[in-house]
Amino acid sequence: MLPVLAVSGGDVWLISTPFGRRGFFYRAWMEGGPGWQRVKVPATECPRIRPENLARDRVAMGDRWFRQEYLCEFAANEETLFPEELVRKAIKYDIQPYLQTSDTNHLALPWPRVPSNT
């Protein structure tokens, strides 16, 4: 809808429960900046939902899905091979990348090469 709204000047309303830490809704919520107004209403703050129903649903759904659907939490994706936190810890931003030469078959290393004896 963003291209349509670029012409009309309208507003975008995203109404959803979180579905993992991915997608447009997640990026808009977490990284959208001050242009987005965020309203978060967990089920525990809704007087129309009885606590005994929440307790029942937490057991039926499991804690992760309950927190996502009822508590408005962006839960980590369970289908990943490695947990997100582990991947984030493995990223090093202070490592300099290899420099590629004009010859695409070779890389220019940032240090002198040691001749091999083979």
N, C-alpha and C. Protein backbone atom coordinates (compact mmCIF):
# COMPACT_ATOMS: atom_id res chain seq x y z
N MET A 1 0.79 -1.20 0.00
CA MET A 1 0.00 0.00 0.00
C MET A 1 0.84 1.27 0.00
N LEU A 2 2.11 1.18 0.35
CA LEU A 2 2.91 2.39 0.42
C LEU A 2 2.98 3.14 -0.91
N PRO A 3 3.13 2.46 -2.06
CA PRO A 3 3.12 3.21 -3.32
C PRO A 3 1.78 3.92 -3.58
N VAL A 4 0.68 3.30 -3.19
CA VAL A 4 -0.63 3.94 -3.37
C VAL A 4 -0.71 5.19 -2.49
N LEU A 5 -0.24 5.06 -1.27
CA LEU A 5 -0.31 6.19 -0.35
C LEU A 5 0.65 7.31 -0.71
N ALA A 6 1.68 6.99 -1.48
CA ALA A 6 2.60 8.03 -1.93
C ALA A 6 1.86 9.05 -2.80
N VAL A 7 0.83 8.61 -3.49
CA VAL A 7 0.04 9.49 -4.35
C VAL A 7 -1.08 10.17 -3.56
N SER A 8 -1.77 9.39 -2.72
CA SER A 8 -2.95 9.92 -2.03
C SER A 8 -2.61 10.67 -0.74
N GLY A 9 -1.44 10.40 -0.17
CA GLY A 9 -1.08 11.04 1.09
C GLY A 9 -1.81 10.46 2.29
N GLY A 10 -2.36 9.27 2.15
CA GLY A 10 -3.10 8.64 3.24
C GLY A 10 -2.21 8.06 4.31
N ASP A 11 -2.82 7.35 5.22
CA ASP A 11 -2.12 6.73 6.34
C ASP A 11 -2.14 5.21 6.21
N VAL A 12 -1.15 4.57 6.80
CA VAL A 12 -1.10 3.11 6.89
C VAL A 12 -1.38 2.74 8.34
N TRP A 13 -2.32 1.83 8.53
CA TRP A 13 -2.60 1.28 9.85
C TRP A 13 -2.24 -0.19 9.80
N LEU A 14 -1.34 -0.62 10.65
CA LEU A 14 -0.98 -2.03 10.77
C LEU A 14 -1.60 -2.54 12.06
N ILE A 15 -2.50 -3.47 11.95
CA ILE A 15 -3.17 -4.03 13.12
C ILE A 15 -2.90 -5.53 13.11
N SER A 16 -2.11 -5.99 14.07
CA SER A 16 -1.72 -7.39 14.06
C SER A 16 -1.17 -7.79 15.42
N THR A 17 -1.06 -9.08 15.60
CA THR A 17 -0.23 -9.58 16.68
C THR A 17 1.12 -9.90 16.05
N PRO A 18 2.18 -9.88 16.82
CA PRO A 18 3.49 -10.22 16.26
C PRO A 18 3.52 -11.65 15.73
N PHE A 19 4.26 -11.87 14.68
CA PHE A 19 4.47 -13.21 14.14
C PHE A 19 5.96 -13.40 13.94
N GLY A 20 6.68 -13.44 15.05
CA GLY A 20 8.12 -13.61 14.99
C GLY A 20 8.83 -12.29 14.74
N ARG A 21 10.12 -12.38 14.70
CA ARG A 21 10.98 -11.20 14.49
C ARG A 21 11.33 -11.10 13.02
N ARG A 22 10.32 -10.86 12.20
CA ARG A 22 10.53 -10.78 10.76
C ARG A 22 9.35 -10.05 10.14
N GLY A 23 9.53 -9.64 8.91
CA GLY A 23 8.44 -9.04 8.16
C GLY A 23 8.27 -7.54 8.35
N PHE A 24 7.36 -7.00 7.57
CA PHE A 24 7.11 -5.56 7.54
C PHE A 24 6.62 -5.04 8.89
N PHE A 25 5.69 -5.75 9.52
CA PHE A 25 5.14 -5.32 10.80
C PHE A 25 6.24 -5.22 11.86
N TYR A 26 7.10 -6.22 11.92
CA TYR A 26 8.20 -6.21 12.88
C TYR A 26 9.15 -5.04 12.62
N ARG A 27 9.55 -4.85 11.35
CA ARG A 27 10.49 -3.77 11.03
C ARG A 27 9.87 -2.40 11.31
N ALA A 28 8.59 -2.24 10.98
CA ALA A 28 7.93 -0.97 11.25
C ALA A 28 7.86 -0.70 12.75
N TRP A 29 7.55 -1.74 13.53
CA TRP A 29 7.44 -1.57 14.99
C TRP A 29 8.81 -1.27 15.61
N MET A 30 9.82 -2.03 15.22
CA MET A 30 11.13 -1.93 15.86
C MET A 30 12.01 -0.83 15.28
N GLU A 31 11.92 -0.59 13.98
CA GLU A 31 12.86 0.31 13.32
C GLU A 31 12.18 1.43 12.54
N GLY A 32 10.87 1.55 12.69
CA GLY A 32 10.12 2.50 11.87
C GLY A 32 10.33 3.96 12.18
N GLY A 33 10.92 4.23 13.33
CA GLY A 33 11.19 5.61 13.67
C GLY A 33 9.96 6.34 14.19
N PRO A 34 10.10 7.65 14.38
CA PRO A 34 9.03 8.43 14.99
C PRO A 34 7.82 8.63 14.08
N GLY A 35 7.91 8.25 12.82
CA GLY A 35 6.78 8.39 11.91
C GLY A 35 5.64 7.41 12.19
N TRP A 36 5.90 6.42 13.02
CA TRP A 36 4.88 5.42 13.36
C TRP A 36 4.41 5.65 14.79
N GLN A 37 3.13 5.64 14.99
CA GLN A 37 2.57 5.65 16.34
C GLN A 37 2.31 4.19 16.71
N ARG A 38 2.82 3.77 17.84
CA ARG A 38 2.68 2.38 18.27
C ARG A 38 1.73 2.29 19.46
N VAL A 39 0.78 1.38 19.35
CA VAL A 39 -0.17 1.14 20.44
C VAL A 39 -0.10 -0.34 20.77
N LYS A 40 0.23 -0.63 22.02
CA LYS A 40 0.40 -2.02 22.45
C LYS A 40 -0.59 -2.29 23.58
N VAL A 41 -1.48 -3.26 23.38
CA VAL A 41 -2.46 -3.61 24.40
C VAL A 41 -2.42 -5.12 24.61
N PRO A 42 -1.64 -5.59 25.59
CA PRO A 42 -1.64 -7.02 25.88
C PRO A 42 -2.98 -7.45 26.44
N ALA A 43 -3.32 -8.70 26.23
CA ALA A 43 -4.61 -9.23 26.69
C ALA A 43 -4.79 -9.10 28.19
N THR A 44 -3.69 -9.09 28.92
CA THR A 44 -3.78 -8.96 30.37
C THR A 44 -4.30 -7.60 30.80
N GLU A 45 -4.29 -6.61 29.90
CA GLU A 45 -4.80 -5.28 30.20
C GLU A 45 -6.21 -5.05 29.68
N CYS A 46 -6.79 -6.06 29.07
CA CYS A 46 -8.15 -5.93 28.53
C CYS A 46 -9.14 -6.48 29.55
N PRO A 47 -10.02 -5.64 30.09
CA PRO A 47 -10.94 -6.10 31.12
C PRO A 47 -11.98 -7.10 30.63
N ARG A 48 -12.16 -7.21 29.33
CA ARG A 48 -13.14 -8.14 28.78
C ARG A 48 -12.63 -9.58 28.74
N ILE A 49 -11.32 -9.76 28.88
CA ILE A 49 -10.74 -11.11 28.84
C ILE A 49 -10.50 -11.58 30.27
N ARG A 50 -11.12 -12.68 30.61
CA ARG A 50 -11.01 -13.20 31.97
C ARG A 50 -9.66 -13.91 32.18
N PRO A 51 -9.06 -13.69 33.35
CA PRO A 51 -7.77 -14.33 33.65
C PRO A 51 -7.79 -15.84 33.53
N GLU A 52 -8.90 -16.49 33.88
CA GLU A 52 -8.96 -17.95 33.77
C GLU A 52 -8.89 -18.41 32.31
N ASN A 53 -9.41 -17.59 31.39
CA ASN A 53 -9.29 -17.93 29.96
C ASN A 53 -7.85 -17.77 29.49
N LEU A 54 -7.18 -16.75 29.99
CA LEU A 54 -5.77 -16.58 29.63
C LEU A 54 -4.93 -17.74 30.16
N ALA A 55 -5.20 -18.16 31.39
CA ALA A 55 -4.46 -19.30 31.95
C ALA A 55 -4.70 -20.56 31.15
N ARG A 56 -5.95 -20.79 30.75
CA ARG A 56 -6.29 -21.97 29.94
C ARG A 56 -5.56 -21.93 28.60
N ASP A 57 -5.57 -20.76 27.96
CA ASP A 57 -4.95 -20.63 26.64
C ASP A 57 -3.43 -20.75 26.71
N ARG A 58 -2.84 -20.27 27.78
CA ARG A 58 -1.38 -20.40 27.93
C ARG A 58 -0.98 -21.87 27.96
N VAL A 59 -1.76 -22.68 28.66
CA VAL A 59 -1.48 -24.12 28.72
C VAL A 59 -1.71 -24.76 27.35
N ALA A 60 -2.81 -24.41 26.70
CA ALA A 60 -3.16 -25.01 25.41
C ALA A 60 -2.17 -24.62 24.30
N MET A 61 -1.73 -23.37 24.28
CA MET A 61 -0.90 -22.86 23.19
C MET A 61 0.59 -23.04 23.44
N GLY A 62 0.99 -23.12 24.68
CA GLY A 62 2.40 -23.08 25.02
C GLY A 62 2.82 -21.64 25.26
N ASP A 63 3.88 -21.48 26.04
CA ASP A 63 4.29 -20.16 26.50
C ASP A 63 4.68 -19.23 25.35
N ARG A 64 5.46 -19.72 24.39
CA ARG A 64 5.94 -18.86 23.30
C ARG A 64 4.79 -18.30 22.48
N TRP A 65 3.89 -19.16 22.04
CA TRP A 65 2.77 -18.69 21.22
C TRP A 65 1.84 -17.81 22.03
N PHE A 66 1.64 -18.14 23.30
CA PHE A 66 0.80 -17.31 24.16
C PHE A 66 1.38 -15.89 24.28
N ARG A 67 2.68 -15.80 24.56
CA ARG A 67 3.30 -14.49 24.69
C ARG A 67 3.19 -13.68 23.40
N GLN A 68 3.29 -14.36 22.27
CA GLN A 68 3.20 -13.68 20.98
C GLN A 68 1.77 -13.22 20.70
N GLU A 69 0.80 -14.08 20.91
CA GLU A 69 -0.59 -13.78 20.56
C GLU A 69 -1.30 -12.92 21.60
N TYR A 70 -0.99 -13.11 22.86
CA TYR A 70 -1.73 -12.42 23.92
C TYR A 70 -0.94 -11.30 24.60
N LEU A 71 0.38 -11.37 24.59
CA LEU A 71 1.18 -10.38 25.30
C LEU A 71 1.94 -9.44 24.37
N CYS A 72 1.70 -9.55 23.07
CA CYS A 72 2.28 -8.64 22.07
C CYS A 72 3.81 -8.69 22.03
N GLU A 73 4.39 -9.86 22.21
CA GLU A 73 5.84 -10.00 22.19
C GLU A 73 6.30 -10.57 20.85
N PHE A 74 7.36 -10.00 20.32
CA PHE A 74 7.97 -10.54 19.10
C PHE A 74 8.88 -11.69 19.51
N ALA A 75 8.38 -12.89 19.43
CA ALA A 75 9.14 -14.07 19.84
C ALA A 75 10.10 -14.49 18.73
N ALA A 76 11.19 -15.10 19.14
CA ALA A 76 12.16 -15.62 18.16
C ALA A 76 11.53 -16.74 17.36
N ASN A 77 11.95 -16.87 16.12
CA ASN A 77 11.43 -17.89 15.23
C ASN A 77 11.92 -19.27 15.67
N GLU A 78 11.00 -20.20 15.88
CA GLU A 78 11.38 -21.54 16.33
C GLU A 78 11.91 -22.41 15.20
N GLU A 79 11.70 -22.03 13.96
CA GLU A 79 12.11 -22.86 12.84
C GLU A 79 13.56 -22.65 12.44
N THR A 80 14.29 -21.78 13.12
CA THR A 80 15.67 -21.52 12.75
C THR A 80 16.59 -22.63 13.27
N LEU A 81 17.68 -22.82 12.57
CA LEU A 81 18.65 -23.83 12.98
C LEU A 81 19.42 -23.36 14.21
N PHE A 82 19.76 -22.07 14.23
CA PHE A 82 20.48 -21.50 15.36
C PHE A 82 19.65 -20.39 15.98
N PRO A 83 19.63 -20.27 17.30
CA PRO A 83 18.88 -19.19 17.95
C PRO A 83 19.42 -17.82 17.51
N GLU A 84 18.53 -16.87 17.38
CA GLU A 84 18.90 -15.53 16.92
C GLU A 84 19.99 -14.91 17.78
N GLU A 85 19.91 -15.08 19.10
CA GLU A 85 20.89 -14.49 20.00
C GLU A 85 22.29 -15.04 19.73
N LEU A 86 22.38 -16.34 19.42
CA LEU A 86 23.67 -16.95 19.13
C LEU A 86 24.25 -16.40 17.83
N VAL A 87 23.43 -16.22 16.82
CA VAL A 87 23.90 -15.66 15.55
C VAL A 87 24.37 -14.23 15.76
N ARG A 88 23.61 -13.43 16.51
CA ARG A 88 24.01 -12.04 16.76
C ARG A 88 25.35 -11.96 17.50
N LYS A 89 25.58 -12.88 18.43
CA LYS A 89 26.85 -12.89 19.15
C LYS A 89 28.02 -13.27 18.25
N ALA A 90 27.75 -14.04 17.19
CA ALA A 90 28.81 -14.49 16.29
C ALA A 90 29.23 -13.42 15.29
N ILE A 91 28.45 -12.39 15.12
CA ILE A 91 28.77 -11.33 14.16
C ILE A 91 29.82 -10.40 14.75
N LYS A 92 30.88 -10.20 13.99
CA LYS A 92 31.95 -9.30 14.40
C LYS A 92 32.01 -8.16 13.38
N TYR A 93 31.84 -6.96 13.86
CA TYR A 93 31.82 -5.81 12.95
C TYR A 93 33.19 -5.18 12.79
N ASP A 94 34.17 -5.59 13.57
CA ASP A 94 35.50 -4.99 13.49
C ASP A 94 36.45 -5.76 12.58
N ILE A 95 35.98 -6.77 11.88
CA ILE A 95 36.81 -7.55 10.97
C ILE A 95 36.78 -6.90 9.59
N GLN A 96 37.97 -6.69 9.04
CA GLN A 96 38.05 -6.10 7.71
C GLN A 96 37.82 -7.17 6.65
N PRO A 97 37.01 -6.89 5.64
CA PRO A 97 36.77 -7.89 4.59
C PRO A 97 37.98 -8.04 3.68
N TYR A 98 38.03 -9.18 2.99
CA TYR A 98 39.06 -9.36 1.97
C TYR A 98 38.81 -8.39 0.84
N LEU A 99 39.87 -7.96 0.23
CA LEU A 99 39.74 -7.06 -0.92
C LEU A 99 39.84 -7.89 -2.19
N GLN A 100 38.91 -7.69 -3.08
CA GLN A 100 38.91 -8.45 -4.32
C GLN A 100 39.69 -7.67 -5.38
N THR A 101 40.56 -8.39 -6.12
CA THR A 101 41.31 -7.75 -7.19
C THR A 101 40.48 -7.75 -8.45
N SER A 102 41.00 -7.13 -9.50
CA SER A 102 40.29 -7.13 -10.78
C SER A 102 40.23 -8.54 -11.37
N ASP A 103 41.16 -9.39 -10.98
CA ASP A 103 41.13 -10.79 -11.37
C ASP A 103 40.19 -11.50 -10.41
N THR A 104 39.03 -11.91 -10.89
CA THR A 104 37.99 -12.46 -10.01
C THR A 104 38.36 -13.81 -9.42
N ASN A 105 39.44 -14.42 -9.87
CA ASN A 105 39.84 -15.72 -9.33
C ASN A 105 40.75 -15.59 -8.11
N HIS A 106 41.19 -14.40 -7.79
CA HIS A 106 42.12 -14.21 -6.69
C HIS A 106 41.61 -13.12 -5.75
N LEU A 107 41.97 -13.26 -4.52
CA LEU A 107 41.64 -12.24 -3.53
C LEU A 107 42.92 -11.54 -3.10
N ALA A 108 42.85 -10.23 -2.91
CA ALA A 108 43.99 -9.49 -2.37
C ALA A 108 43.83 -9.48 -0.86
N LEU A 109 44.74 -10.13 -0.17
CA LEU A 109 44.67 -10.18 1.28
C LEU A 109 45.26 -8.92 1.87
N PRO A 110 44.77 -8.47 3.02
CA PRO A 110 45.30 -7.25 3.61
C PRO A 110 46.67 -7.42 4.25
N TRP A 111 47.29 -8.60 4.15
CA TRP A 111 48.63 -8.83 4.66
C TRP A 111 49.42 -9.56 3.57
N PRO A 112 50.74 -9.56 3.65
CA PRO A 112 51.54 -10.21 2.59
C PRO A 112 51.30 -11.72 2.60
N ARG A 113 51.30 -12.27 1.40
CA ARG A 113 51.16 -13.72 1.27
C ARG A 113 52.48 -14.42 1.53
N VAL A 114 52.41 -15.57 2.13
CA VAL A 114 53.59 -16.40 2.37
C VAL A 114 53.63 -17.43 1.25
N PRO A 115 54.75 -17.50 0.50
CA PRO A 115 54.82 -18.48 -0.58
C PRO A 115 54.69 -19.89 -0.04
N SER A 116 53.93 -20.71 -0.74
CA SER A 116 53.79 -22.11 -0.31
C SER A 116 54.92 -22.94 -0.89
N ASN A 117 55.24 -24.05 -0.26
CA ASN A 117 56.31 -24.95 -0.70
C ASN A 117 55.81 -26.04 -1.62
N THR A 118 54.55 -25.97 -2.03
CA THR A 118 54.02 -27.03 -2.88
C THR A 118 54.10 -26.69 -4.32
